[in-house]
PDB file of N, CA and C in Angstrom:
ATOM      1  N   GLU A   1      77.446 153.417 131.726  1.00  0.00           N
ATOM      2  CA  GLU A   1      78.555 152.697 131.124  1.00  0.00           C
ATOM      3  C   GLU A   1      79.815 152.847 131.980  1.00  0.00           C
ATOM      4  N   GLU A   2      80.031 154.035 132.547  1.00  0.00           N
ATOM      5  CA  GLU A   2      81.203 154.233 133.395  1.00  0.00           C
ATOM      6  C   GLU A   2      81.147 153.348 134.629  1.00  0.00           C
ATOM      7  N   ASP A   3      79.955 153.184 135.201  1.00  0.00           N
ATOM      8  CA  ASP A   3      79.814 152.349 136.387  1.00  0.00           C
ATOM      9  C   ASP A   3      80.223 150.915 136.083  1.00  0.00           C
ATOM     10  N   LEU A   4      79.833 150.412 134.910  1.00  0.00           N
ATOM     11  CA  LEU A   4      80.163 149.050 134.528  1.00  0.00           C
ATOM     12  C   LEU A   4      81.673 148.886 134.399  1.00  0.00           C
ATOM     13  N   GLN A   5      82.324 149.831 133.753  1.00  0.00           N
ATOM     14  CA  GLN A   5      83.771 149.751 133.594  1.00  0.00           C
ATOM     15  C   GLN A   5      84.467 149.826 134.944  1.00  0.00           C
ATOM     16  N   GLN A   6      83.980 150.668 135.822  1.00  0.00           N
ATOM     17  CA  GLN A   6      84.594 150.817 137.136  1.00  0.00           C
ATOM     18  C   GLN A   6      84.454 149.524 137.934  1.00  0.00           C
ATOM     19  N   SER A   7      83.279 148.900 137.895  1.00  0.00           N
ATOM     20  CA  SER A   7      83.081 147.672 138.650  1.00  0.00           C
ATOM     21  C   SER A   7      83.950 146.545 138.094  1.00  0.00           C
ATOM     22  N   GLU A   8      84.185 146.524 136.788  1.00  0.00           N
ATOM     23  CA  GLU A   8      85.055 145.498 136.217  1.00  0.00           C
ATOM     24  C   GLU A   8      86.476 145.652 136.740  1.00  0.00           C
ATOM     25  N   VAL A   9      86.927 146.882 136.868  1.00  0.00           N
ATOM     26  CA  VAL A   9      88.273 147.123 137.379  1.00  0.00           C
ATOM     27  C   VAL A   9      88.363 146.666 138.831  1.00  0.00           C
ATOM     28  N   GLN A  10      87.338 146.936 139.615  1.00  0.00           N
ATOM     29  CA  GLN A  10      87.354 146.553 141.023  1.00  0.00           C
ATOM     30  C   GLN A  10      87.261 145.037 141.191  1.00  0.00           C
ATOM     31  N   MET A  11      86.438 144.386 140.383  1.00  0.00           N
ATOM     32  CA  MET A  11      86.208 142.961 140.550  1.00  0.00           C
ATOM     33  C   MET A  11      87.339 142.109 139.981  1.00  0.00           C
ATOM     34  N   GLU A  12      87.959 142.539 138.910  1.00  0.00           N
ATOM     35  CA  GLU A  12      88.943 141.720 138.221  1.00  0.00           C
ATOM     36  C   GLU A  12      90.220 142.506 137.928  1.00  0.00           C
ATOM     37  N   PRO A  13      90.944 142.882 138.958  1.00  0.00           N
ATOM     38  CA  PRO A  13      92.151 143.689 138.709  1.00  0.00           C
ATOM     39  C   PRO A  13      93.207 142.929 137.916  1.00  0.00           C
ATOM     40  N   ASP A  14      93.283 141.597 138.080  1.00  0.00           N
ATOM     41  CA  ASP A  14      94.285 140.824 137.356  1.00  0.00           C
ATOM     42  C   ASP A  14      94.053 140.884 135.849  1.00  0.00           C
ATOM     43  N   LEU A  15      92.801 140.970 135.443  1.00  0.00           N
ATOM     44  CA  LEU A  15      92.508 141.033 134.016  1.00  0.00           C
ATOM     45  C   LEU A  15      92.906 142.383 133.442  1.00  0.00           C
ATOM     46  N   GLN A  16      92.923 143.407 134.263  1.00  0.00           N
ATOM     47  CA  GLN A  16      93.219 144.748 133.775  1.00  0.00           C
ATOM     48  C   GLN A  16      94.729 144.987 133.675  1.00  0.00           C
ATOM     49  N   CYS A  17      95.490 144.566 134.692  1.00  0.00           N
ATOM     50  CA  CYS A  17      96.901 144.950 134.722  1.00  0.00           C
ATOM     51  C   CYS A  17      97.840 143.750 134.793  1.00  0.00           C
ATOM     52  N   GLY A  18      97.315 142.537 134.810  1.00  0.00           N
ATOM     53  CA  GLY A  18      98.163 141.368 134.992  1.00  0.00           C
ATOM     54  C   GLY A  18      98.771 140.838 133.712  1.00  0.00           C
ATOM     55  N   GLY A  19      98.343 141.330 132.592  1.00  0.00           N
ATOM     56  CA  GLY A  19      98.877 140.853 131.334  1.00  0.00           C
ATOM     57  C   GLY A  19      98.150 139.618 130.852  1.00  0.00           C
ATOM     58  N   PRO A  20      98.432 139.209 129.621  1.00  0.00           N
ATOM     59  CA  PRO A  20      97.693 138.090 129.020  1.00  0.00           C
ATOM     60  C   PRO A  20      97.921 136.762 129.736  1.00  0.00           C
ATOM     61  N   GLN A  21      99.113 136.544 130.296  1.00  0.00           N
ATOM     62  CA  GLN A  21      99.385 135.255 130.939  1.00  0.00           C
ATOM     63  C   GLN A  21      98.473 135.035 132.139  1.00  0.00           C
ATOM     64  N   SER A  22      98.315 136.061 132.982  1.00  0.00           N
ATOM     65  CA  SER A  22      97.461 135.885 134.152  1.00  0.00           C
ATOM     66  C   SER A  22      96.000 135.775 133.737  1.00  0.00           C
ATOM     67  N   ARG A  23      95.630 136.437 132.675  1.00  0.00           N
ATOM     68  CA  ARG A  23      94.242 136.322 132.189  1.00  0.00           C
ATOM     69  C   ARG A  23      93.965 134.896 131.728  1.00  0.00           C
ATOM     70  N   ILE A  24      94.916 134.313 131.021  1.00  0.00           N
ATOM     71  CA  ILE A  24      94.766 132.922 130.584  1.00  0.00           C
ATOM     72  C   ILE A  24      94.687 132.007 131.797  1.00  0.00           C
ATOM     73  N   GLN A  25      95.527 132.263 132.800  1.00  0.00           N
ATOM     74  CA  GLN A  25      95.515 131.429 134.007  1.00  0.00           C
ATOM     75  C   GLN A  25      94.164 131.511 134.708  1.00  0.00           C
ATOM     76  N   ILE A  26      93.614 132.704 134.807  1.00  0.00           N
ATOM     77  CA  ILE A  26      92.301 132.881 135.443  1.00  0.00           C
ATOM     78  C   ILE A  26      91.242 132.109 134.660  1.00  0.00           C
ATOM     79  N   MET A  27      91.284 132.210 133.354  1.00  0.00           N
ATOM     80  CA  MET A  27      90.289 131.508 132.534  1.00  0.00           C
ATOM     81  C   MET A  27      90.450 129.999 132.663  1.00  0.00           C
ATOM     82  N   GLU A  28      91.695 129.520 132.730  1.00  0.00           N
ATOM     83  CA  GLU A  28      91.927 128.084 132.907  1.00  0.00           C
ATOM     84  C   GLU A  28      91.409 127.620 134.262  1.00  0.00           C
ATOM     85  N   ASP A  29      91.631 128.433 135.298  1.00  0.00           N
ATOM     86  CA  ASP A  29      91.136 128.086 136.634  1.00  0.00           C
ATOM     87  C   ASP A  29      89.615 128.037 136.649  1.00  0.00           C
ATOM     88  N   GLU A  30      88.987 129.014 136.001  1.00  0.00           N
ATOM     89  CA  GLU A  30      87.522 129.031 135.938  1.00  0.00           C
ATOM     90  C   GLU A  30      87.004 127.815 135.178  1.00  0.00           C
ATOM     91  N   LEU A  31      87.676 127.462 134.093  1.00  0.00           N
ATOM     92  CA  LEU A  31      87.268 126.293 133.315  1.00  0.00           C
ATOM     93  C   LEU A  31      87.409 125.024 134.146  1.00  0.00           C
ATOM     94  N   ALA A  32      88.503 124.912 134.889  1.00  0.00           N
ATOM     95  CA  ALA A  32      88.701 123.733 135.733  1.00  0.00           C
ATOM     96  C   ALA A  32      87.610 123.639 136.793  1.00  0.00           C
ATOM     97  N   ALA A  33      87.252 124.769 137.390  1.00  0.00           N
ATOM     98  CA  ALA A  33      86.202 124.776 138.412  1.00  0.00           C
ATOM     99  C   ALA A  33      84.862 124.374 137.803  1.00  0.00           C
ATOM    100  N   LYS A  34      84.567 124.879 136.619  1.00  0.00           N
ATOM    101  CA  LYS A  34      83.303 124.531 135.958  1.00  0.00           C
ATOM    102  C   LYS A  34      83.296 123.060 135.560  1.00  0.00           C
ATOM    103  N   SER A  35      84.441 122.548 135.127  1.00  0.00           N
ATOM    104  CA  SER A  35      84.520 121.133 134.765  1.00  0.00           C
ATOM    105  C   SER A  35      84.277 120.252 135.982  1.00  0.00           C
ATOM    106  N   MET A  36      84.844 120.644 137.129  1.00  0.00           N
ATOM    107  CA  MET A  36      84.623 119.880 138.355  1.00  0.00           C
ATOM    108  C   MET A  36      83.158 119.916 138.753  1.00  0.00           C
ATOM    109  N   ALA A  37      82.535 121.074 138.644  1.00  0.00           N
ATOM    110  CA  ALA A  37      81.113 121.197 138.980  1.00  0.00           C
ATOM    111  C   ALA A  37      80.282 120.333 138.041  1.00  0.00           C
ATOM    112  N   MET A  38      80.647 120.322 136.771  1.00  0.00           N
ATOM    113  CA  MET A  38      79.923 119.510 135.788  1.00  0.00           C
ATOM    114  C   MET A  38      80.046 118.026 136.119  1.00  0.00           C
ATOM    115  N   GLU A  39      81.250 117.586 136.493  1.00  0.00           N
ATOM    116  CA  GLU A  39      81.443 116.184 136.853  1.00  0.00           C
ATOM    117  C   GLU A  39      80.619 115.822 138.082  1.00  0.00           C
ATOM    118  N   GLU A  40      80.581 116.722 139.054  1.00  0.00           N
ATOM    119  CA  GLU A  40      79.801 116.470 140.263  1.00  0.00           C
ATOM    120  C   GLU A  40      78.313 116.353 139.937  1.00  0.00           C
ATOM    121  N   LEU A  41      77.818 117.243 139.087  1.00  0.00           N
ATOM    122  CA  LEU A  41      76.409 117.175 138.688  1.00  0.00           C
ATOM    123  C   LEU A  41      76.121 115.892 137.913  1.00  0.00           C
ATOM    124  N   SER A  42      77.058 115.474 137.083  1.00  0.00           N
ATOM    125  CA  SER A  42      76.867 114.232 136.330  1.00  0.00           C
ATOM    126  C   SER A  42      76.781 113.043 137.275  1.00  0.00           C
ATOM    127  N   ARG A  43      77.638 113.033 138.312  1.00  0.00           N
ATOM    128  CA  ARG A  43      77.570 111.948 139.297  1.00  0.00           C
ATOM    129  C   ARG A  43      76.238 111.959 140.027  1.00  0.00           C
ATOM    130  N   GLU A  44      75.789 113.153 140.424  1.00  0.00           N
ATOM    131  CA  GLU A  44      74.499 113.258 141.113  1.00  0.00           C
ATOM    132  C   GLU A  44      73.370 112.766 140.217  1.00  0.00           C
ATOM    133  N   LEU A  45      73.428 113.111 138.940  1.00  0.00           N
ATOM    134  CA  LEU A  45      72.395 112.665 138.008  1.00  0.00           C
ATOM    135  C   LEU A  45      72.409 111.145 137.882  1.00  0.00           C
ATOM    136  N   GLU A  46      73.590 110.558 137.830  1.00  0.00           N
ATOM    137  CA  GLU A  46      73.680 109.100 137.760  1.00  0.00           C
ATOM    138  C   GLU A  46      73.070 108.461 139.007  1.00  0.00           C
ATOM    139  N   GLU A  47      73.309 109.068 140.182  1.00  0.00           N
ATOM    140  CA  GLU A  47      72.720 108.546 141.416  1.00  0.00           C
ATOM    141  C   GLU A  47      71.199 108.625 141.363  1.00  0.00           C
ATOM    142  N   ILE A  48      70.681 109.731 140.843  1.00  0.00           N
ATOM    143  CA  ILE A  48      69.230 109.898 140.731  1.00  0.00           C
ATOM    144  C   ILE A  48      68.667 108.864 139.759  1.00  0.00           C
ATOM    145  N   ARG A  49      69.362 108.673 138.641  1.00  0.00           N
ATOM    146  CA  ARG A  49      68.902 107.671 137.666  1.00  0.00           C
ATOM    147  C   ARG A  49      68.914 106.278 138.286  1.00  0.00           C
ATOM    148  N   ALA A  50      69.942 105.989 139.083  1.00  0.00           N
ATOM    149  CA  ALA A  50      70.021 104.680 139.725  1.00  0.00           C
ATOM    150  C   ALA A  50      68.866 104.497 140.707  1.00  0.00           C
ATOM    151  N   ALA A  51      68.499 105.571 141.396  1.00  0.00           N
ATOM    152  CA  ALA A  51      67.441 105.487 142.400  1.00  0.00           C
ATOM    153  C   ALA A  51      66.053 105.422 141.772  1.00  0.00           C
ATOM    154  N   PHE A  52      65.819 106.198 140.729  1.00  0.00           N
ATOM    155  CA  PHE A  52      64.471 106.328 140.179  1.00  0.00           C
ATOM    156  C   PHE A  52      64.296 105.660 138.821  1.00  0.00           C
ATOM    157  N   GLY A  53      65.386 105.253 138.222  1.00  0.00           N
ATOM    158  CA  GLY A  53      65.316 104.712 136.868  1.00  0.00           C
ATOM    159  C   GLY A  53      65.439 105.837 135.858  1.00  0.00           C
ATOM    160  N   ALA A  54      66.090 105.564 134.747  1.00  0.00           N
ATOM    161  CA  ALA A  54      66.354 106.600 133.740  1.00  0.00           C
ATOM    162  C   ALA A  54      65.063 107.208 133.208  1.00  0.00           C
ATOM    163  N   GLU A  55      64.018 106.391 133.063  1.00  0.00           N
ATOM    164  CA  GLU A  55      62.775 106.918 132.503  1.00  0.00           C
ATOM    165  C   GLU A  55      62.073 107.867 133.460  1.00  0.00           C
ATOM    166  N   GLY A  56      62.294 107.697 134.753  1.00  0.00           N
ATOM    167  CA  GLY A  56      61.665 108.578 135.732  1.00  0.00           C
ATOM    168  C   GLY A  56      62.293 109.956 135.777  1.00  0.00           C
ATOM    169  N   VAL A  57      63.479 110.109 135.178  1.00  0.00           N
ATOM    170  CA  VAL A  57      64.196 111.384 135.214  1.00  0.00           C
ATOM    171  C   VAL A  57      63.930 112.208 133.962  1.00  0.00           C
ATOM    172  N   GLN A  58      63.511 111.583 132.879  1.00  0.00           N
ATOM    173  CA  GLN A  58      63.295 112.312 131.624  1.00  0.00           C
ATOM    174  C   GLN A  58      62.170 113.319 131.769  1.00  0.00           C
ATOM    175  N   GLN A  59      62.299 114.401 131.038  1.00  0.00           N
ATOM    176  CA  GLN A  59      61.272 115.452 131.094  1.00  0.00           C
ATOM    177  C   GLN A  59      60.127 115.118 130.167  1.00  0.00           C
TER     178      GLN A  59
END
């Protein structure tokens, strides 16, 4: 358990000592990055559907 806590401090120092505002900013940045990745995947899926047809993509 101590190792886990220590690694969290090393990996995310802003979350430990930056206060709530910086934590919110980090979470907003992560959300924005995930939203961009999601949009990119959606575009790729649309391209695949256009190439193969929607029925060819269904599981």
